[in-house]
Amino acid sequence: MKLDQAALDQLFAAARTHNVWQDRPVSDELLHELYECMKWGPTAANGSPARIVFVKSRAAKERLLPCMAPGNQDKTRAAPVTVIVAMDGAFYEKLPVLFPQADARSWFVGNQALIDATAFRNSSLQGAYLILAARALGLDCGPMSGFDADKINAAFFKDSAVKANFVCNLGYGDAAKLFPRNPRLTFAEACRIE
């Protein structure tokens, strides 16, 4: 069943990247609902390498802010939630449970290039699912790549196989403070059918 235009607008056409946030909290229950929605998006061999940190507390924000580029600090401070979308370099250890149809774990053991490429590609997909799920649940998003990954890794994932992929602010954006909408490439500029 095709979604109606209002739903498509909420997910895509009318959705915007927000930088200014209303002073409205995002409940832990809504974050649980968000994960329950986004987790169903497909990943290679159902590997699900994304690891999500919902940064909400003042103490966690204080650890995160020095990791952000100067231009991203104020909006990160003001956002009710900042999500660190990370990737687990040991994701394949969970494949016996997540993909029991085959010995998928053996595809990755000892193949660091395949582990890295799969973790990055699929955690990026999961981050996109997170953005769409957040929009579907009425939240606004502000994804960013302006941060020091090594600092985030030290602050949030020390001594683990988990590494930061990207960061996304979540909450209820201030629509009155949006920048003008930028253009997108046309079908002819970005696509071809063969």
Foldseek 3Di string as FASTA:
>chain_A
DDDDPVLVCLLPVVADAFQAADPDADDPVVVVVLCVQLLPDDAVLSLPFKDKDWQADPVSLVLFLVFFDPVRNVSSNRFRTKMFTKGFLQSLVCSCPRRVPDNVSVVPVPPSVVSVVRRQVRSVVSVSSSQSSLSSVPKHKHKDAGGHFVSCCCSPPPPGRMTTRTMMGIHHHDVVPDDPDDDDDDCVVPHDDD
